Each structure stands twice: as C-alpha cells, then as structure tokens.
Amino acid sequence: MRVTVIDYKAGNLTSVLKALHHLGAETVVADGPEPIEAAESLVLPGVGHFAATERLDASAITSAIRQAISRSVPFLGICVGMQWLYAGSSEAPEQKGIGHFAERCTRFPDGTEKVPHVGWNSLDVRAGSQLLAGIKSGEYVYFTHSYKAPVTADTAALTHYIEPFAAAVERGHVMGVQFHPEKSGETGLRILRNFLQWRSK
C-alpha cells in the first residue's frame, strides 16, 4: 500500500517516514490537497499546539481529507493528528477539528502528576480493533501530550494517567493513536504494520 503522509509543517514527519520505510511502505509526502486526491491511505502526524491544524484548513487539505474519508481511504492520525479527528480541543477553542468523532479533547487536570504526560505507559486494549490486532493489554508505548480524548464507544485502547483517556480510537477505516508508534519500538511497528495491512470488513 502506498501511504500519503500529510505535512502541515507541524508534525513529526521524518521519524514517521523512517518507520514506514522500515516496514517497506512506499510513501508520498503531501503539503497540499492534490496528492491526497489520489491517496490509497493517509497518515497525519502531529506534534505541538492544536492551533497549528489551522494550516490544514488554509491549504485546503481538510477538504481533501474529508473527501478521501468519504471514499473509504484508510486514515491514521498520530498525537495531535488523532486529536484533530474530534470536534476540537480546549487547547485552541476557536480552531475546529474535522469532527469525525463528536467529542472534544481537554487538558489533563492539575494534580499530583506532572503535565504533560511524557514517557512510556501501558495500553488497555479493547477487543475487535484491526489497528491493534496482536497487541496485548499491558504492552507499552511512548506518549508526550498535555491534552487527551475521552473514553467512548470508539476507543480502541485506553491508558491511565491522572485519569483514563483514549490512547487509540477506531471507527471503520478512520483511526488515531495518541502515542507515537514510530517511537514505540516493536509494539509501535506492529501497529503501523496493521495499518498498512488494513482491509475493509
């Protein structure tokens, strides 16, 4: 499968491309809508502030992604790329997400633990996820984030830090992970491989 990786100038592009190439994937980098129109699959890496996703709107990438999703093109959002799948985030209240999931992302509450949540933490995997096929509850992945998505029926795996949050989300061909699979060792590579092998049910 050829993977179109979206570059909106605020993502961890290099490490994601390196991991995909390690798995044998052919990649195309898109910084505008044209490559997305012919995409076989899409990956949106993201780091930093949710407000940076405004660049997706300004460059017409958001519209192209909506059309691709409507064509059942597999989509994987990573970190802020996952948060963008929701209606929005309290990190940038005026900036809308794509709204594939109706909920909003919020900041971890202040408490005894430090925010941001940085480092390795374990997954509690729900049954039935194609993206997490072969991944067992208790396996560790690497996180770095201050904002998180709520646990809902679309949550494929949850993690606990201060409170439970969605570590992975999946509804049909649209998937997201809050952690960085490209920095999560063999577990992360297995998840990316599952995405590359994704087939509609």
N, C-alpha and C. Protein backbone atom coordinates (compact mmCIF):
# COMPACT_ATOMS: atom_id res chain seq x y z
N MET A 1 0.85 -1.20 0.00
CA MET A 1 0.00 0.00 0.00
C MET A 1 0.88 1.25 0.00
N ARG A 2 0.55 2.18 -0.86
CA ARG A 2 1.25 3.46 -0.87
C ARG A 2 0.61 4.37 0.18
N VAL A 3 1.43 4.99 1.00
CA VAL A 3 0.94 5.83 2.10
C VAL A 3 1.24 7.29 1.80
N THR A 4 0.21 8.11 1.83
CA THR A 4 0.39 9.55 1.69
C THR A 4 0.48 10.15 3.08
N VAL A 5 1.62 10.75 3.40
CA VAL A 5 1.87 11.33 4.71
C VAL A 5 1.71 12.84 4.60
N ILE A 6 0.84 13.40 5.42
CA ILE A 6 0.49 14.80 5.30
C ILE A 6 1.46 15.66 6.09
N ASP A 7 2.02 16.65 5.41
CA ASP A 7 2.98 17.58 6.02
C ASP A 7 2.33 18.95 6.12
N TYR A 8 1.91 19.32 7.34
CA TYR A 8 1.36 20.66 7.53
C TYR A 8 2.31 21.54 8.35
N LYS A 9 3.59 21.16 8.29
CA LYS A 9 4.70 21.94 8.86
C LYS A 9 4.65 21.97 10.39
N ALA A 10 3.99 21.00 10.99
CA ALA A 10 3.96 20.95 12.45
C ALA A 10 3.94 19.50 12.94
N GLY A 11 4.46 18.59 12.14
CA GLY A 11 4.39 17.18 12.50
C GLY A 11 5.76 16.55 12.64
N ASN A 12 5.76 15.36 13.22
CA ASN A 12 6.99 14.58 13.38
C ASN A 12 7.20 13.75 12.11
N LEU A 13 7.37 14.45 11.01
CA LEU A 13 7.35 13.82 9.69
C LEU A 13 8.49 12.84 9.48
N THR A 14 9.70 13.24 9.82
CA THR A 14 10.87 12.43 9.50
C THR A 14 10.83 11.07 10.16
N SER A 15 10.51 11.03 11.44
CA SER A 15 10.52 9.75 12.16
C SER A 15 9.39 8.84 11.69
N VAL A 16 8.24 9.41 11.32
CA VAL A 16 7.14 8.59 10.80
C VAL A 16 7.52 8.00 9.45
N LEU A 17 8.10 8.82 8.58
CA LEU A 17 8.54 8.30 7.28
C LEU A 17 9.58 7.20 7.45
N LYS A 18 10.50 7.39 8.37
CA LYS A 18 11.54 6.37 8.61
C LYS A 18 10.92 5.05 9.03
N ALA A 19 9.93 5.10 9.93
CA ALA A 19 9.29 3.87 10.39
C ALA A 19 8.52 3.20 9.26
N LEU A 20 7.81 3.98 8.45
CA LEU A 20 7.06 3.41 7.33
C LEU A 20 8.00 2.78 6.31
N HIS A 21 9.12 3.44 6.02
CA HIS A 21 10.09 2.88 5.08
C HIS A 21 10.69 1.59 5.63
N HIS A 22 10.93 1.55 6.94
CA HIS A 22 11.46 0.35 7.58
C HIS A 22 10.52 -0.84 7.35
N LEU A 23 9.23 -0.55 7.30
CA LEU A 23 8.23 -1.60 7.09
C LEU A 23 7.99 -1.89 5.62
N GLY A 24 8.72 -1.21 4.75
CA GLY A 24 8.62 -1.48 3.32
C GLY A 24 7.56 -0.70 2.59
N ALA A 25 6.99 0.30 3.22
CA ALA A 25 5.93 1.08 2.58
C ALA A 25 6.49 2.08 1.59
N GLU A 26 5.78 2.29 0.51
CA GLU A 26 6.04 3.39 -0.41
C GLU A 26 5.31 4.61 0.12
N THR A 27 5.99 5.75 0.16
CA THR A 27 5.37 6.94 0.75
C THR A 27 5.36 8.11 -0.23
N VAL A 28 4.37 8.95 -0.05
CA VAL A 28 4.26 10.22 -0.76
C VAL A 28 4.02 11.29 0.31
N VAL A 29 4.74 12.39 0.25
CA VAL A 29 4.54 13.49 1.20
C VAL A 29 3.64 14.54 0.54
N ALA A 30 2.58 14.92 1.25
CA ALA A 30 1.62 15.88 0.72
C ALA A 30 1.60 17.12 1.59
N ASP A 31 1.87 18.29 0.99
CA ASP A 31 1.72 19.55 1.71
C ASP A 31 0.62 20.40 1.07
N GLY A 32 -0.19 19.77 0.25
CA GLY A 32 -1.34 20.41 -0.38
C GLY A 32 -2.36 19.34 -0.73
N PRO A 33 -3.50 19.72 -1.29
CA PRO A 33 -4.58 18.76 -1.50
C PRO A 33 -4.38 17.78 -2.64
N GLU A 34 -3.58 18.12 -3.63
CA GLU A 34 -3.52 17.29 -4.85
C GLU A 34 -3.13 15.84 -4.60
N PRO A 35 -2.02 15.56 -3.87
CA PRO A 35 -1.67 14.14 -3.64
C PRO A 35 -2.72 13.39 -2.84
N ILE A 36 -3.47 14.09 -2.01
CA ILE A 36 -4.49 13.44 -1.18
C ILE A 36 -5.64 12.93 -2.04
N GLU A 37 -5.89 13.61 -3.15
CA GLU A 37 -6.99 13.23 -4.03
C GLU A 37 -6.77 11.85 -4.65
N ALA A 38 -5.51 11.42 -4.76
CA ALA A 38 -5.20 10.11 -5.34
C ALA A 38 -4.69 9.12 -4.29
N ALA A 39 -4.84 9.45 -3.02
CA ALA A 39 -4.24 8.64 -1.95
C ALA A 39 -4.91 7.28 -1.81
N GLU A 40 -4.08 6.27 -1.51
CA GLU A 40 -4.57 4.95 -1.16
C GLU A 40 -4.76 4.81 0.34
N SER A 41 -3.97 5.54 1.11
CA SER A 41 -4.09 5.60 2.56
C SER A 41 -3.44 6.90 3.01
N LEU A 42 -3.85 7.37 4.20
CA LEU A 42 -3.39 8.67 4.69
C LEU A 42 -2.90 8.56 6.12
N VAL A 43 -1.78 9.23 6.41
CA VAL A 43 -1.28 9.35 7.77
C VAL A 43 -1.08 10.83 8.06
N LEU A 44 -1.62 11.27 9.20
CA LEU A 44 -1.44 12.67 9.64
C LEU A 44 -0.65 12.67 10.94
N PRO A 45 0.68 12.88 10.87
CA PRO A 45 1.47 13.02 12.09
C PRO A 45 1.25 14.43 12.66
N GLY A 46 1.37 14.56 13.95
CA GLY A 46 1.20 15.88 14.54
C GLY A 46 1.88 16.00 15.88
N VAL A 47 2.50 17.12 16.13
CA VAL A 47 3.06 17.45 17.44
C VAL A 47 2.75 18.91 17.71
N GLY A 48 2.92 19.32 18.95
CA GLY A 48 2.79 20.73 19.27
C GLY A 48 1.37 21.16 19.56
N HIS A 49 1.03 22.37 19.17
CA HIS A 49 -0.21 23.02 19.56
C HIS A 49 -1.33 22.71 18.57
N PHE A 50 -2.54 22.49 19.10
CA PHE A 50 -3.69 22.18 18.26
C PHE A 50 -3.97 23.30 17.27
N ALA A 51 -3.66 24.53 17.62
CA ALA A 51 -3.92 25.66 16.73
C ALA A 51 -3.20 25.52 15.40
N ALA A 52 -2.10 24.77 15.37
CA ALA A 52 -1.35 24.61 14.12
C ALA A 52 -2.15 23.88 13.06
N THR A 53 -3.21 23.16 13.46
CA THR A 53 -4.01 22.46 12.47
C THR A 53 -4.79 23.43 11.58
N GLU A 54 -4.79 24.71 11.93
CA GLU A 54 -5.40 25.72 11.06
C GLU A 54 -4.77 25.68 9.67
N ARG A 55 -3.52 25.27 9.60
CA ARG A 55 -2.84 25.19 8.31
C ARG A 55 -3.49 24.16 7.40
N LEU A 56 -4.13 23.15 7.99
CA LEU A 56 -4.85 22.17 7.17
C LEU A 56 -6.03 22.82 6.47
N ASP A 57 -6.71 23.71 7.18
CA ASP A 57 -7.83 24.43 6.58
C ASP A 57 -7.34 25.42 5.52
N ALA A 58 -6.29 26.17 5.86
CA ALA A 58 -5.81 27.23 4.98
C ALA A 58 -5.28 26.69 3.66
N SER A 59 -4.75 25.46 3.67
CA SER A 59 -4.17 24.88 2.47
C SER A 59 -5.14 23.96 1.72
N ALA A 60 -6.39 23.92 2.16
CA ALA A 60 -7.44 23.08 1.55
C ALA A 60 -7.21 21.59 1.78
N ILE A 61 -6.30 21.25 2.68
CA ILE A 61 -6.06 19.84 2.98
C ILE A 61 -7.25 19.24 3.72
N THR A 62 -7.87 20.02 4.60
CA THR A 62 -9.03 19.49 5.35
C THR A 62 -10.11 19.00 4.40
N SER A 63 -10.45 19.79 3.41
CA SER A 63 -11.48 19.39 2.46
C SER A 63 -11.08 18.13 1.70
N ALA A 64 -9.81 18.05 1.31
CA ALA A 64 -9.34 16.87 0.58
C ALA A 64 -9.39 15.63 1.46
N ILE A 65 -9.07 15.77 2.75
CA ILE A 65 -9.14 14.63 3.66
C ILE A 65 -10.59 14.18 3.85
N ARG A 66 -11.51 15.13 4.00
CA ARG A 66 -12.93 14.77 4.12
C ARG A 66 -13.38 13.94 2.92
N GLN A 67 -12.99 14.37 1.74
CA GLN A 67 -13.38 13.64 0.53
C GLN A 67 -12.75 12.25 0.50
N ALA A 68 -11.48 12.16 0.92
CA ALA A 68 -10.81 10.86 0.95
C ALA A 68 -11.50 9.92 1.94
N ILE A 69 -11.84 10.42 3.12
CA ILE A 69 -12.53 9.60 4.10
C ILE A 69 -13.87 9.13 3.56
N SER A 70 -14.56 10.00 2.82
CA SER A 70 -15.85 9.61 2.24
C SER A 70 -15.69 8.52 1.18
N ARG A 71 -14.47 8.42 0.60
CA ARG A 71 -14.17 7.35 -0.36
C ARG A 71 -13.65 6.10 0.32
N SER A 72 -13.66 6.08 1.64
CA SER A 72 -13.20 4.94 2.45
C SER A 72 -11.70 4.72 2.39
N VAL A 73 -10.94 5.81 2.16
CA VAL A 73 -9.48 5.72 2.23
C VAL A 73 -9.07 5.57 3.69
N PRO A 74 -8.28 4.56 4.05
CA PRO A 74 -7.84 4.40 5.44
C PRO A 74 -7.06 5.62 5.92
N PHE A 75 -7.34 6.06 7.13
CA PHE A 75 -6.74 7.26 7.69
C PHE A 75 -6.23 6.96 9.08
N LEU A 76 -4.99 7.39 9.37
CA LEU A 76 -4.42 7.26 10.71
C LEU A 76 -3.89 8.61 11.16
N GLY A 77 -4.43 9.11 12.28
CA GLY A 77 -3.92 10.32 12.90
C GLY A 77 -3.04 9.98 14.09
N ILE A 78 -1.91 10.67 14.22
CA ILE A 78 -0.96 10.41 15.29
C ILE A 78 -0.85 11.64 16.19
N CYS A 79 -0.98 11.47 17.50
CA CYS A 79 -0.85 12.52 18.50
C CYS A 79 -1.85 13.65 18.22
N VAL A 80 -1.39 14.85 17.90
CA VAL A 80 -2.34 15.92 17.55
C VAL A 80 -3.15 15.53 16.32
N GLY A 81 -2.59 14.69 15.47
CA GLY A 81 -3.33 14.18 14.31
C GLY A 81 -4.55 13.37 14.73
N MET A 82 -4.46 12.66 15.84
CA MET A 82 -5.63 11.97 16.39
C MET A 82 -6.61 12.98 16.98
N GLN A 83 -6.11 13.94 17.74
CA GLN A 83 -7.00 14.92 18.36
C GLN A 83 -7.78 15.70 17.31
N TRP A 84 -7.19 15.92 16.15
CA TRP A 84 -7.83 16.65 15.07
C TRP A 84 -9.07 15.92 14.54
N LEU A 85 -9.15 14.61 14.77
CA LEU A 85 -10.32 13.85 14.33
C LEU A 85 -11.57 14.21 15.11
N TYR A 86 -11.40 14.87 16.25
CA TYR A 86 -12.53 15.24 17.11
C TYR A 86 -13.07 16.61 16.71
N ALA A 87 -14.10 17.04 17.42
CA ALA A 87 -14.73 18.33 17.11
C ALA A 87 -13.79 19.49 17.38
N GLY A 88 -12.88 19.31 18.33
CA GLY A 88 -11.94 20.38 18.66
C GLY A 88 -11.22 20.06 19.95
N SER A 89 -10.50 21.06 20.47
CA SER A 89 -9.72 20.88 21.68
C SER A 89 -9.75 22.17 22.49
N SER A 90 -9.77 22.03 23.80
CA SER A 90 -9.73 23.22 24.66
C SER A 90 -8.38 23.93 24.58
N GLU A 91 -7.39 23.30 23.94
CA GLU A 91 -6.10 23.97 23.75
C GLU A 91 -6.22 25.16 22.80
N ALA A 92 -7.13 25.06 21.85
CA ALA A 92 -7.37 26.15 20.88
C ALA A 92 -8.87 26.15 20.58
N PRO A 93 -9.69 26.73 21.47
CA PRO A 93 -11.15 26.60 21.37
C PRO A 93 -11.74 27.09 20.05
N GLU A 94 -11.09 28.05 19.40
CA GLU A 94 -11.65 28.60 18.17
C GLU A 94 -11.33 27.74 16.94
N GLN A 95 -10.36 26.84 17.08
CA GLN A 95 -9.94 26.01 15.95
C GLN A 95 -10.72 24.70 15.94
N LYS A 96 -11.41 24.42 14.86
CA LYS A 96 -12.21 23.20 14.77
C LYS A 96 -11.36 22.03 14.29
N GLY A 97 -11.71 20.84 14.79
CA GLY A 97 -11.19 19.62 14.22
C GLY A 97 -12.09 19.21 13.06
N ILE A 98 -11.83 18.01 12.54
CA ILE A 98 -12.64 17.56 11.41
C ILE A 98 -14.00 17.03 11.87
N GLY A 99 -14.12 16.70 13.15
CA GLY A 99 -15.41 16.31 13.71
C GLY A 99 -15.87 14.91 13.35
N HIS A 100 -14.94 14.02 12.99
CA HIS A 100 -15.34 12.63 12.73
C HIS A 100 -15.86 11.99 14.01
N PHE A 101 -15.26 12.38 15.13
CA PHE A 101 -15.76 12.00 16.45
C PHE A 101 -16.31 13.26 17.11
N ALA A 102 -17.47 13.14 17.72
CA ALA A 102 -18.21 14.33 18.15
C ALA A 102 -17.63 15.00 19.39
N GLU A 103 -16.85 14.28 20.17
CA GLU A 103 -16.36 14.81 21.44
C GLU A 103 -15.24 15.83 21.23
N ARG A 104 -14.82 16.45 22.34
CA ARG A 104 -13.72 17.41 22.31
C ARG A 104 -12.58 16.92 23.21
N CYS A 105 -11.37 17.31 22.86
CA CYS A 105 -10.21 16.97 23.67
C CYS A 105 -10.00 18.05 24.74
N THR A 106 -9.51 17.62 25.89
CA THR A 106 -9.33 18.53 27.02
C THR A 106 -7.97 18.28 27.67
N ARG A 107 -7.54 19.25 28.46
CA ARG A 107 -6.25 19.15 29.13
C ARG A 107 -6.36 18.23 30.34
N PHE A 108 -5.27 17.55 30.63
CA PHE A 108 -5.21 16.80 31.88
C PHE A 108 -5.44 17.76 33.05
N PRO A 109 -6.21 17.36 34.05
CA PRO A 109 -6.38 18.24 35.21
C PRO A 109 -5.09 18.33 36.01
N ASP A 110 -4.88 19.47 36.61
CA ASP A 110 -3.73 19.63 37.50
C ASP A 110 -3.93 18.78 38.73
N GLY A 111 -2.85 18.19 39.19
CA GLY A 111 -2.94 17.32 40.35
C GLY A 111 -1.56 16.91 40.81
N THR A 112 -1.46 15.70 41.30
CA THR A 112 -0.18 15.23 41.83
C THR A 112 0.81 14.85 40.73
N GLU A 113 0.31 14.52 39.54
CA GLU A 113 1.19 14.13 38.43
C GLU A 113 1.51 15.35 37.56
N LYS A 114 2.68 15.29 36.94
CA LYS A 114 3.10 16.39 36.08
C LYS A 114 2.36 16.36 34.75
N VAL A 115 2.12 17.53 34.21
CA VAL A 115 1.58 17.68 32.87
C VAL A 115 2.59 18.54 32.09
N PRO A 116 3.04 18.07 30.92
CA PRO A 116 2.49 17.00 30.10
C PRO A 116 2.83 15.59 30.57
N HIS A 117 2.07 14.65 30.03
CA HIS A 117 2.31 13.22 30.22
C HIS A 117 3.38 12.81 29.20
N VAL A 118 4.57 12.51 29.70
CA VAL A 118 5.69 12.18 28.82
C VAL A 118 6.30 10.86 29.28
N GLY A 119 6.46 9.95 28.32
CA GLY A 119 7.15 8.70 28.62
C GLY A 119 6.32 7.49 28.24
N TRP A 120 6.80 6.34 28.71
CA TRP A 120 6.17 5.07 28.37
C TRP A 120 5.00 4.78 29.32
N ASN A 121 3.92 4.28 28.74
CA ASN A 121 2.77 3.89 29.54
C ASN A 121 2.08 2.73 28.83
N SER A 122 1.27 2.01 29.57
CA SER A 122 0.70 0.77 29.04
C SER A 122 -0.68 0.99 28.44
N LEU A 123 -1.05 0.08 27.55
CA LEU A 123 -2.34 0.10 26.87
C LEU A 123 -3.29 -0.90 27.50
N ASP A 124 -4.55 -0.53 27.60
CA ASP A 124 -5.64 -1.45 27.93
C ASP A 124 -6.45 -1.60 26.65
N VAL A 125 -6.24 -2.70 25.94
CA VAL A 125 -6.76 -2.87 24.58
C VAL A 125 -8.16 -3.48 24.62
N ARG A 126 -9.06 -2.88 23.88
CA ARG A 126 -10.41 -3.42 23.73
C ARG A 126 -10.44 -4.40 22.57
N ALA A 127 -11.29 -5.40 22.68
CA ALA A 127 -11.39 -6.43 21.64
C ALA A 127 -11.96 -5.85 20.35
N GLY A 128 -11.53 -6.40 19.22
CA GLY A 128 -12.14 -6.09 17.94
C GLY A 128 -11.42 -5.06 17.09
N SER A 129 -10.35 -4.48 17.59
CA SER A 129 -9.65 -3.46 16.83
C SER A 129 -8.75 -4.10 15.78
N GLN A 130 -8.88 -3.65 14.53
CA GLN A 130 -7.95 -4.10 13.49
C GLN A 130 -6.59 -3.43 13.65
N LEU A 131 -6.61 -2.17 14.03
CA LEU A 131 -5.36 -1.43 14.17
C LEU A 131 -4.48 -2.05 15.25
N LEU A 132 -5.08 -2.55 16.31
CA LEU A 132 -4.33 -3.10 17.44
C LEU A 132 -4.33 -4.62 17.46
N ALA A 133 -4.60 -5.25 16.33
CA ALA A 133 -4.57 -6.71 16.25
C ALA A 133 -3.20 -7.23 16.67
N GLY A 134 -3.19 -8.20 17.57
CA GLY A 134 -1.94 -8.77 18.04
C GLY A 134 -1.28 -8.00 19.17
N ILE A 135 -1.85 -6.87 19.56
CA ILE A 135 -1.33 -6.07 20.67
C ILE A 135 -2.09 -6.46 21.93
N LYS A 136 -1.37 -6.80 22.97
CA LYS A 136 -1.98 -7.25 24.21
C LYS A 136 -2.05 -6.12 25.23
N SER A 137 -3.07 -6.15 26.05
CA SER A 137 -3.13 -5.21 27.16
C SER A 137 -1.88 -5.35 28.01
N GLY A 138 -1.33 -4.23 28.44
CA GLY A 138 -0.10 -4.24 29.22
C GLY A 138 1.13 -3.89 28.41
N GLU A 139 1.02 -3.91 27.06
CA GLU A 139 2.16 -3.50 26.26
C GLU A 139 2.34 -1.99 26.36
N TYR A 140 3.59 -1.55 26.25
CA TYR A 140 3.93 -0.15 26.48
C TYR A 140 4.19 0.59 25.16
N VAL A 141 3.76 1.85 25.14
CA VAL A 141 4.01 2.76 24.02
C VAL A 141 4.43 4.11 24.57
N TYR A 142 4.92 4.98 23.68
CA TYR A 142 5.52 6.24 24.12
C TYR A 142 4.58 7.42 23.88
N PHE A 143 4.33 8.19 24.94
CA PHE A 143 3.44 9.35 24.90
C PHE A 143 4.21 10.65 25.16
N THR A 144 3.70 11.72 24.60
CA THR A 144 4.09 13.07 25.03
C THR A 144 2.97 14.02 24.66
N HIS A 145 2.16 14.41 25.66
CA HIS A 145 0.97 15.24 25.37
C HIS A 145 0.42 15.81 26.67
N SER A 146 -0.27 16.94 26.53
CA SER A 146 -0.96 17.59 27.65
C SER A 146 -2.47 17.51 27.52
N TYR A 147 -2.95 17.22 26.30
CA TYR A 147 -4.39 17.15 26.02
C TYR A 147 -4.73 15.74 25.60
N LYS A 148 -5.97 15.33 25.88
CA LYS A 148 -6.36 13.95 25.63
C LYS A 148 -7.82 13.87 25.25
N ALA A 149 -8.15 12.75 24.60
CA ALA A 149 -9.52 12.49 24.17
C ALA A 149 -10.22 11.62 25.21
N PRO A 150 -11.54 11.75 25.35
CA PRO A 150 -12.27 10.97 26.33
C PRO A 150 -12.44 9.52 25.89
N VAL A 151 -12.71 8.66 26.85
CA VAL A 151 -13.01 7.26 26.57
C VAL A 151 -14.47 7.15 26.14
N THR A 152 -14.69 6.60 24.94
CA THR A 152 -16.04 6.46 24.39
C THR A 152 -16.17 5.08 23.74
N ALA A 153 -17.30 4.85 23.08
CA ALA A 153 -17.51 3.59 22.39
C ALA A 153 -16.52 3.38 21.25
N ASP A 154 -15.93 4.47 20.73
CA ASP A 154 -14.97 4.36 19.63
C ASP A 154 -13.53 4.16 20.11
N THR A 155 -13.33 4.12 21.40
CA THR A 155 -11.98 3.92 21.95
C THR A 155 -11.52 2.49 21.71
N ALA A 156 -10.38 2.34 21.05
CA ALA A 156 -9.81 1.02 20.79
C ALA A 156 -8.86 0.58 21.88
N ALA A 157 -8.26 1.54 22.57
CA ALA A 157 -7.39 1.25 23.71
C ALA A 157 -7.38 2.49 24.60
N LEU A 158 -7.31 2.25 25.90
CA LEU A 158 -7.22 3.37 26.82
C LEU A 158 -5.96 3.23 27.67
N THR A 159 -5.55 4.34 28.22
CA THR A 159 -4.40 4.41 29.10
C THR A 159 -4.79 5.27 30.29
N HIS A 160 -4.17 5.02 31.43
CA HIS A 160 -4.47 5.82 32.62
C HIS A 160 -3.26 6.68 32.98
N TYR A 161 -3.48 7.98 33.00
CA TYR A 161 -2.52 8.93 33.55
C TYR A 161 -3.34 10.06 34.16
N ILE A 162 -3.33 10.16 35.45
CA ILE A 162 -4.21 11.04 36.21
C ILE A 162 -5.64 10.54 36.13
N GLU A 163 -6.11 10.25 34.91
CA GLU A 163 -7.44 9.70 34.69
C GLU A 163 -7.40 8.90 33.39
N PRO A 164 -8.37 8.02 33.15
CA PRO A 164 -8.36 7.26 31.90
C PRO A 164 -8.59 8.18 30.70
N PHE A 165 -7.92 7.87 29.59
CA PHE A 165 -8.12 8.62 28.35
C PHE A 165 -7.97 7.67 27.17
N ALA A 166 -8.44 8.11 26.01
CA ALA A 166 -8.36 7.29 24.81
C ALA A 166 -6.93 7.32 24.27
N ALA A 167 -6.27 6.16 24.29
CA ALA A 167 -4.94 6.06 23.71
C ALA A 167 -5.00 5.75 22.22
N ALA A 168 -6.09 5.10 21.81
CA ALA A 168 -6.31 4.80 20.39
C ALA A 168 -7.80 4.83 20.15
N VAL A 169 -8.17 5.26 18.95
CA VAL A 169 -9.57 5.38 18.58
C VAL A 169 -9.73 4.78 17.19
N GLU A 170 -10.89 4.18 16.95
CA GLU A 170 -11.09 3.49 15.66
C GLU A 170 -12.57 3.39 15.37
N ARG A 171 -12.94 3.88 14.21
CA ARG A 171 -14.29 3.67 13.70
C ARG A 171 -14.17 3.38 12.21
N GLY A 172 -14.32 2.11 11.87
CA GLY A 172 -14.14 1.73 10.48
C GLY A 172 -12.74 2.01 10.00
N HIS A 173 -12.62 2.74 8.91
CA HIS A 173 -11.32 2.99 8.28
C HIS A 173 -10.65 4.25 8.81
N VAL A 174 -11.23 4.89 9.84
CA VAL A 174 -10.65 6.09 10.44
C VAL A 174 -10.11 5.75 11.82
N MET A 175 -8.82 5.95 12.03
CA MET A 175 -8.13 5.51 13.24
C MET A 175 -7.21 6.60 13.75
N GLY A 176 -6.93 6.58 15.02
CA GLY A 176 -5.98 7.52 15.59
C GLY A 176 -5.30 6.94 16.80
N VAL A 177 -4.07 7.39 17.06
CA VAL A 177 -3.35 6.98 18.26
C VAL A 177 -2.78 8.22 18.92
N GLN A 178 -2.95 8.33 20.24
CA GLN A 178 -2.42 9.48 20.96
C GLN A 178 -0.92 9.35 21.16
N PHE A 179 -0.43 8.15 21.23
CA PHE A 179 1.01 7.90 21.40
C PHE A 179 1.72 7.98 20.05
N HIS A 180 3.03 7.82 20.10
CA HIS A 180 3.85 7.88 18.88
C HIS A 180 4.29 6.46 18.52
N PRO A 181 3.63 5.81 17.57
CA PRO A 181 4.03 4.44 17.22
C PRO A 181 5.44 4.37 16.66
N GLU A 182 5.87 5.44 15.99
CA GLU A 182 7.20 5.45 15.40
C GLU A 182 8.30 5.54 16.45
N LYS A 183 7.93 5.80 17.71
CA LYS A 183 8.88 5.85 18.81
C LYS A 183 8.61 4.78 19.86
N SER A 184 7.77 3.81 19.50
CA SER A 184 7.28 2.83 20.49
C SER A 184 7.78 1.42 20.23
N GLY A 185 8.97 1.30 19.65
CA GLY A 185 9.61 0.00 19.50
C GLY A 185 8.79 -0.97 18.65
N GLU A 186 8.92 -2.26 18.97
CA GLU A 186 8.24 -3.29 18.19
C GLU A 186 6.73 -3.20 18.28
N THR A 187 6.21 -2.76 19.43
CA THR A 187 4.76 -2.60 19.55
C THR A 187 4.26 -1.54 18.57
N GLY A 188 4.95 -0.42 18.51
CA GLY A 188 4.56 0.64 17.58
C GLY A 188 4.66 0.20 16.12
N LEU A 189 5.72 -0.54 15.79
CA LEU A 189 5.87 -1.02 14.42
C LEU A 189 4.77 -2.00 14.06
N ARG A 190 4.36 -2.82 15.01
CA ARG A 190 3.25 -3.76 14.75
C ARG A 190 1.97 -2.99 14.44
N ILE A 191 1.73 -1.92 15.16
CA ILE A 191 0.53 -1.11 14.93
C ILE A 191 0.59 -0.47 13.54
N LEU A 192 1.73 0.09 13.17
CA LEU A 192 1.86 0.66 11.83
C LEU A 192 1.72 -0.42 10.76
N ARG A 193 2.24 -1.60 11.02
CA ARG A 193 2.09 -2.69 10.05
C ARG A 193 0.62 -3.06 9.89
N ASN A 194 -0.11 -3.09 11.00
CA ASN A 194 -1.54 -3.38 10.92
C ASN A 194 -2.25 -2.34 10.06
N PHE A 195 -1.85 -1.08 10.21
CA PHE A 195 -2.47 -0.04 9.37
C PHE A 195 -2.14 -0.28 7.90
N LEU A 196 -0.91 -0.62 7.60
CA LEU A 196 -0.54 -0.87 6.21
C LEU A 196 -1.30 -2.05 5.62
N GLN A 197 -1.69 -2.97 6.46
CA GLN A 197 -2.39 -4.17 6.00
C GLN A 197 -3.91 -4.06 6.17
N TRP A 198 -4.38 -2.86 6.49
CA TRP A 198 -5.81 -2.68 6.79
C TRP A 198 -6.67 -3.07 5.58
N ARG A 199 -7.72 -3.79 5.86
CA ARG A 199 -8.70 -4.17 4.85
C ARG A 199 -10.10 -3.91 5.40
N SER A 200 -10.98 -3.41 4.54
CA SER A 200 -12.34 -3.16 4.98
C SER A 200 -13.05 -4.48 5.27
N LYS A 201 -13.88 -4.47 6.30
CA LYS A 201 -14.62 -5.69 6.66
C LYS A 201 -15.87 -5.82 5.79
